């Protein structure tokens, strides 16, 4: 790549608008379930997840909820994958827009 191509690419990046505008909206309490799931290794037993991340607070449509409380309601003893874990959490807390403060 020549210098002029690199300069043109750098200018294009500076001129590009962000894909999503971030505003000064209300704060959303808790962490996304996907973030919590990304810190775990799979497969994982429910007890392992509770030991490692049970104190995490996750975002739900009804507001922030302790992951430990969510897992207590779940009947899944072993999560084979991240997707299975996320699905089991969604089965307990539901899906939809997340409540803001």
N, C-alpha and C. Protein backbone atom coordinates (compact mmCIF):
# COMPACT_ATOMS: atom_id res chain seq x y z
N UNK A 1 0.84 -1.16 0.00
CA UNK A 1 0.00 0.00 0.00
C UNK A 1 0.90 1.24 0.00
N UNK A 2 0.60 2.21 -0.85
CA UNK A 2 1.40 3.42 -0.92
C UNK A 2 0.99 4.37 0.19
N UNK A 3 1.82 5.41 0.38
CA UNK A 3 1.53 6.39 1.43
C UNK A 3 0.21 7.10 1.17
N UNK A 4 -0.07 7.43 -0.07
CA UNK A 4 -1.31 8.14 -0.37
C UNK A 4 -2.53 7.27 -0.09
N UNK A 5 -2.41 5.93 -0.35
CA UNK A 5 -3.51 5.02 -0.03
C UNK A 5 -3.73 4.95 1.48
N UNK A 6 -2.63 4.91 2.22
CA UNK A 6 -2.74 4.85 3.68
C UNK A 6 -3.36 6.13 4.23
N UNK A 7 -2.96 7.28 3.66
CA UNK A 7 -3.52 8.55 4.11
C UNK A 7 -5.01 8.63 3.78
N UNK A 8 -5.39 8.15 2.61
CA UNK A 8 -6.80 8.16 2.21
C UNK A 8 -7.63 7.27 3.13
N UNK A 9 -7.07 6.10 3.49
CA UNK A 9 -7.77 5.20 4.40
C UNK A 9 -7.92 5.83 5.78
N UNK A 10 -6.88 6.51 6.26
CA UNK A 10 -6.92 7.16 7.57
C UNK A 10 -7.96 8.27 7.57
N UNK A 11 -8.04 9.05 6.49
CA UNK A 11 -9.02 10.13 6.40
C UNK A 11 -10.44 9.57 6.35
N UNK A 12 -10.62 8.47 5.62
CA UNK A 12 -11.94 7.85 5.52
C UNK A 12 -12.40 7.36 6.89
N UNK A 13 -11.48 6.81 7.67
CA UNK A 13 -11.84 6.33 9.00
C UNK A 13 -12.24 7.49 9.90
N UNK A 14 -11.54 8.63 9.78
CA UNK A 14 -11.85 9.79 10.59
C UNK A 14 -13.21 10.38 10.22
N UNK A 15 -13.55 10.35 8.93
CA UNK A 15 -14.81 10.91 8.45
C UNK A 15 -16.00 10.02 8.71
N UNK A 16 -15.76 8.73 8.92
CA UNK A 16 -16.85 7.78 9.10
C UNK A 16 -17.57 8.06 10.42
N UNK A 17 -18.91 7.98 10.37
CA UNK A 17 -19.69 8.17 11.58
C UNK A 17 -19.79 6.84 12.32
N UNK A 18 -19.95 6.89 13.62
CA UNK A 18 -20.09 5.63 14.37
C UNK A 18 -21.35 4.88 13.93
N UNK A 19 -21.29 3.57 13.98
CA UNK A 19 -22.42 2.74 13.57
C UNK A 19 -23.62 2.96 14.48
N UNK A 20 -23.36 3.19 15.76
CA UNK A 20 -24.41 3.43 16.73
C UNK A 20 -24.03 4.66 17.53
N UNK A 21 -24.91 5.61 17.59
CA UNK A 21 -24.64 6.79 18.38
C UNK A 21 -24.91 6.50 19.85
N UNK A 22 -23.96 6.85 20.68
CA UNK A 22 -24.12 6.65 22.11
C UNK A 22 -24.55 7.97 22.71
N UNK A 23 -25.52 7.91 23.56
CA UNK A 23 -26.04 9.14 24.14
C UNK A 23 -25.87 9.17 25.63
N UNK A 24 -26.54 10.12 26.22
CA UNK A 24 -26.49 10.29 27.67
C UNK A 24 -27.76 9.75 28.31
N UNK A 25 -28.25 8.64 27.79
CA UNK A 25 -29.49 8.05 28.27
C UNK A 25 -29.34 7.47 29.66
N UNK A 26 -30.40 6.85 30.13
CA UNK A 26 -30.37 6.27 31.48
C UNK A 26 -29.40 5.11 31.58
N UNK A 27 -28.91 4.90 32.78
CA UNK A 27 -27.96 3.83 33.06
C UNK A 27 -28.71 2.49 33.09
N UNK A 28 -28.10 1.46 32.53
CA UNK A 28 -28.68 0.12 32.57
C UNK A 28 -27.86 -0.69 33.58
N UNK A 29 -28.51 -1.11 34.65
CA UNK A 29 -27.84 -1.84 35.71
C UNK A 29 -27.62 -3.30 35.32
N UNK A 30 -26.54 -3.86 35.82
CA UNK A 30 -26.22 -5.26 35.57
C UNK A 30 -25.38 -5.45 34.32
N UNK A 31 -24.99 -6.69 34.09
CA UNK A 31 -24.18 -7.06 32.93
C UNK A 31 -25.01 -7.85 31.95
N UNK A 32 -24.68 -7.75 30.66
CA UNK A 32 -25.34 -8.62 29.70
C UNK A 32 -24.98 -10.08 29.99
N UNK A 33 -25.92 -10.98 29.81
CA UNK A 33 -25.67 -12.40 30.04
C UNK A 33 -24.52 -12.88 29.16
N UNK A 34 -24.43 -12.35 27.94
CA UNK A 34 -23.36 -12.75 27.02
C UNK A 34 -21.99 -12.44 27.59
N UNK A 35 -21.85 -11.32 28.31
CA UNK A 35 -20.56 -10.98 28.90
C UNK A 35 -20.19 -11.98 29.99
N UNK A 36 -21.16 -12.32 30.82
CA UNK A 36 -20.91 -13.31 31.88
C UNK A 36 -20.53 -14.65 31.23
N UNK A 37 -21.28 -15.04 30.21
CA UNK A 37 -21.03 -16.32 29.53
C UNK A 37 -19.65 -16.36 28.90
N UNK A 38 -19.15 -15.21 28.45
CA UNK A 38 -17.84 -15.19 27.79
C UNK A 38 -16.70 -15.45 28.77
N UNK A 39 -16.95 -15.28 30.05
CA UNK A 39 -15.90 -15.52 31.05
C UNK A 39 -15.83 -16.97 31.50
N UNK A 40 -16.75 -17.78 31.05
CA UNK A 40 -16.82 -19.18 31.45
C UNK A 40 -16.29 -20.10 30.37
N UNK A 41 -15.95 -21.33 30.74
CA UNK A 41 -15.55 -22.35 29.76
C UNK A 41 -16.64 -23.41 29.71
N UNK A 42 -16.79 -24.02 28.55
CA UNK A 42 -17.88 -24.94 28.31
C UNK A 42 -17.38 -26.31 27.97
N UNK A 43 -18.04 -27.38 28.35
CA UNK A 43 -19.26 -27.45 29.16
C UNK A 43 -19.01 -27.02 30.60
N UNK A 44 -20.07 -26.62 31.29
CA UNK A 44 -19.98 -26.19 32.68
C UNK A 44 -21.22 -26.66 33.44
N UNK A 45 -21.00 -27.16 34.64
CA UNK A 45 -22.13 -27.56 35.48
C UNK A 45 -22.75 -26.31 36.11
N UNK A 46 -23.98 -26.43 36.51
CA UNK A 46 -24.65 -25.30 37.16
C UNK A 46 -23.89 -24.89 38.41
N UNK A 47 -23.41 -25.86 39.18
CA UNK A 47 -22.67 -25.52 40.41
C UNK A 47 -21.36 -24.80 40.09
N UNK A 48 -20.69 -25.17 39.01
CA UNK A 48 -19.45 -24.47 38.62
C UNK A 48 -19.75 -23.03 38.23
N UNK A 49 -20.83 -22.83 37.47
CA UNK A 49 -21.21 -21.48 37.06
C UNK A 49 -21.55 -20.64 38.28
N UNK A 50 -22.29 -21.23 39.22
CA UNK A 50 -22.64 -20.50 40.44
C UNK A 50 -21.39 -20.16 41.25
N UNK A 51 -20.42 -21.07 41.31
CA UNK A 51 -19.20 -20.81 42.07
C UNK A 51 -18.37 -19.70 41.42
N UNK A 52 -18.32 -19.69 40.09
CA UNK A 52 -17.48 -18.72 39.39
C UNK A 52 -18.15 -17.37 39.19
N UNK A 53 -19.43 -17.35 38.86
CA UNK A 53 -20.11 -16.11 38.48
C UNK A 53 -21.42 -15.87 39.22
N UNK A 54 -21.71 -16.65 40.25
CA UNK A 54 -22.98 -16.53 40.95
C UNK A 54 -23.24 -15.15 41.53
N UNK A 55 -22.19 -14.41 41.86
CA UNK A 55 -22.37 -13.08 42.43
C UNK A 55 -22.58 -11.99 41.37
N UNK A 56 -22.53 -12.37 40.10
CA UNK A 56 -22.75 -11.40 39.02
C UNK A 56 -24.21 -10.98 38.98
N UNK A 57 -24.44 -9.75 38.61
CA UNK A 57 -25.79 -9.23 38.42
C UNK A 57 -26.01 -9.09 36.93
N UNK A 58 -27.05 -9.75 36.41
CA UNK A 58 -27.32 -9.74 34.97
C UNK A 58 -28.53 -8.86 34.66
N UNK A 59 -28.53 -8.34 33.43
CA UNK A 59 -29.64 -7.52 32.95
C UNK A 59 -30.80 -8.42 32.53
N UNK A 60 -31.99 -8.05 32.93
CA UNK A 60 -33.19 -8.79 32.53
C UNK A 60 -34.28 -7.79 32.18
N UNK A 61 -35.34 -8.23 31.52
CA UNK A 61 -36.45 -7.32 31.21
C UNK A 61 -37.10 -6.71 32.45
N UNK A 62 -37.00 -7.39 33.59
CA UNK A 62 -37.59 -6.90 34.83
C UNK A 62 -36.60 -6.14 35.70
N UNK A 63 -35.40 -5.89 35.18
CA UNK A 63 -34.38 -5.19 35.94
C UNK A 63 -33.25 -6.14 36.31
N UNK A 64 -32.23 -5.61 37.00
CA UNK A 64 -31.06 -6.43 37.35
C UNK A 64 -31.44 -7.57 38.30
N UNK A 65 -30.83 -8.73 38.06
CA UNK A 65 -31.11 -9.92 38.86
C UNK A 65 -29.80 -10.66 39.12
N UNK A 66 -29.66 -11.22 40.28
CA UNK A 66 -28.50 -12.02 40.63
C UNK A 66 -28.47 -13.29 39.78
N UNK A 67 -27.32 -13.59 39.19
CA UNK A 67 -27.21 -14.82 38.40
C UNK A 67 -27.45 -16.03 39.28
N UNK A 68 -27.04 -15.95 40.53
CA UNK A 68 -27.27 -17.06 41.46
C UNK A 68 -28.76 -17.36 41.59
N UNK A 69 -29.59 -16.31 41.69
CA UNK A 69 -31.04 -16.50 41.80
C UNK A 69 -31.61 -17.10 40.52
N UNK A 70 -31.08 -16.68 39.38
CA UNK A 70 -31.55 -17.21 38.09
C UNK A 70 -31.21 -18.70 38.00
N UNK A 71 -29.98 -19.04 38.36
CA UNK A 71 -29.55 -20.44 38.28
C UNK A 71 -30.30 -21.32 39.28
N UNK A 72 -30.71 -20.74 40.39
CA UNK A 72 -31.48 -21.49 41.38
C UNK A 72 -32.82 -21.94 40.79
N UNK A 73 -33.41 -21.11 39.93
CA UNK A 73 -34.69 -21.44 39.30
C UNK A 73 -34.53 -22.36 38.10
N UNK A 74 -33.35 -22.43 37.54
CA UNK A 74 -33.11 -23.26 36.36
C UNK A 74 -32.99 -24.72 36.77
N UNK A 75 -33.49 -25.60 35.91
CA UNK A 75 -33.40 -27.03 36.18
C UNK A 75 -32.31 -27.71 35.36
N UNK A 76 -31.51 -26.93 34.64
CA UNK A 76 -30.46 -27.48 33.79
C UNK A 76 -29.22 -27.76 34.64
N UNK A 77 -28.80 -29.04 34.74
CA UNK A 77 -27.64 -29.36 35.57
C UNK A 77 -26.31 -29.14 34.86
N UNK A 78 -26.30 -29.21 33.52
CA UNK A 78 -25.05 -29.08 32.75
C UNK A 78 -25.33 -28.26 31.50
N UNK A 79 -24.55 -27.22 31.33
CA UNK A 79 -24.65 -26.39 30.14
C UNK A 79 -23.54 -26.83 29.18
N UNK A 80 -23.94 -27.39 28.04
CA UNK A 80 -22.97 -27.91 27.07
C UNK A 80 -22.25 -26.80 26.31
N UNK A 81 -22.91 -25.64 26.17
CA UNK A 81 -22.32 -24.56 25.38
C UNK A 81 -22.78 -23.21 25.91
N UNK A 82 -22.14 -22.17 25.43
CA UNK A 82 -22.51 -20.81 25.79
C UNK A 82 -23.96 -20.54 25.38
N UNK A 83 -24.33 -20.99 24.19
CA UNK A 83 -25.70 -20.80 23.71
C UNK A 83 -26.72 -21.48 24.58
N UNK A 84 -26.41 -22.68 25.04
CA UNK A 84 -27.33 -23.41 25.92
C UNK A 84 -27.49 -22.67 27.25
N UNK A 85 -26.39 -22.12 27.75
CA UNK A 85 -26.43 -21.34 28.99
C UNK A 85 -27.32 -20.11 28.82
N UNK A 86 -27.10 -19.36 27.74
CA UNK A 86 -27.88 -18.15 27.49
C UNK A 86 -29.37 -18.50 27.34
N UNK A 87 -29.66 -19.60 26.66
CA UNK A 87 -31.05 -20.03 26.47
C UNK A 87 -31.70 -20.39 27.81
N UNK A 88 -30.95 -21.07 28.68
CA UNK A 88 -31.48 -21.45 29.99
C UNK A 88 -31.76 -20.22 30.84
N UNK A 89 -30.88 -19.23 30.78
CA UNK A 89 -31.11 -17.99 31.53
C UNK A 89 -32.34 -17.27 30.99
N UNK A 90 -32.45 -17.22 29.67
CA UNK A 90 -33.61 -16.56 29.04
C UNK A 90 -34.92 -17.28 29.39
N UNK A 91 -34.87 -18.60 29.52
CA UNK A 91 -36.07 -19.34 29.91
C UNK A 91 -36.56 -18.91 31.30
N UNK A 92 -35.63 -18.53 32.17
CA UNK A 92 -36.00 -18.12 33.52
C UNK A 92 -36.42 -16.66 33.57
N UNK A 93 -35.64 -15.77 32.95
CA UNK A 93 -35.88 -14.33 33.08
C UNK A 93 -36.70 -13.74 31.93
N UNK A 94 -36.86 -14.48 30.85
CA UNK A 94 -37.60 -13.97 29.70
C UNK A 94 -36.68 -13.20 28.77
N UNK A 95 -37.28 -12.66 27.71
CA UNK A 95 -36.50 -11.87 26.75
C UNK A 95 -37.28 -10.60 26.45
N UNK A 96 -36.59 -9.64 25.93
CA UNK A 96 -37.23 -8.37 25.60
C UNK A 96 -36.35 -7.23 26.00
N UNK A 97 -36.87 -6.02 25.88
CA UNK A 97 -36.09 -4.85 26.24
C UNK A 97 -35.69 -4.89 27.70
N UNK A 98 -34.51 -4.38 27.98
CA UNK A 98 -33.99 -4.36 29.35
C UNK A 98 -34.43 -3.08 30.03
N UNK A 99 -34.87 -3.20 31.26
CA UNK A 99 -35.31 -2.05 32.03
C UNK A 99 -34.13 -1.12 32.32
N UNK A 100 -34.39 0.19 32.31
CA UNK A 100 -33.36 1.17 32.65
C UNK A 100 -33.75 1.86 33.94
N UNK A 101 -32.78 2.50 34.54
CA UNK A 101 -33.04 3.21 35.81
C UNK A 101 -33.67 4.55 35.56
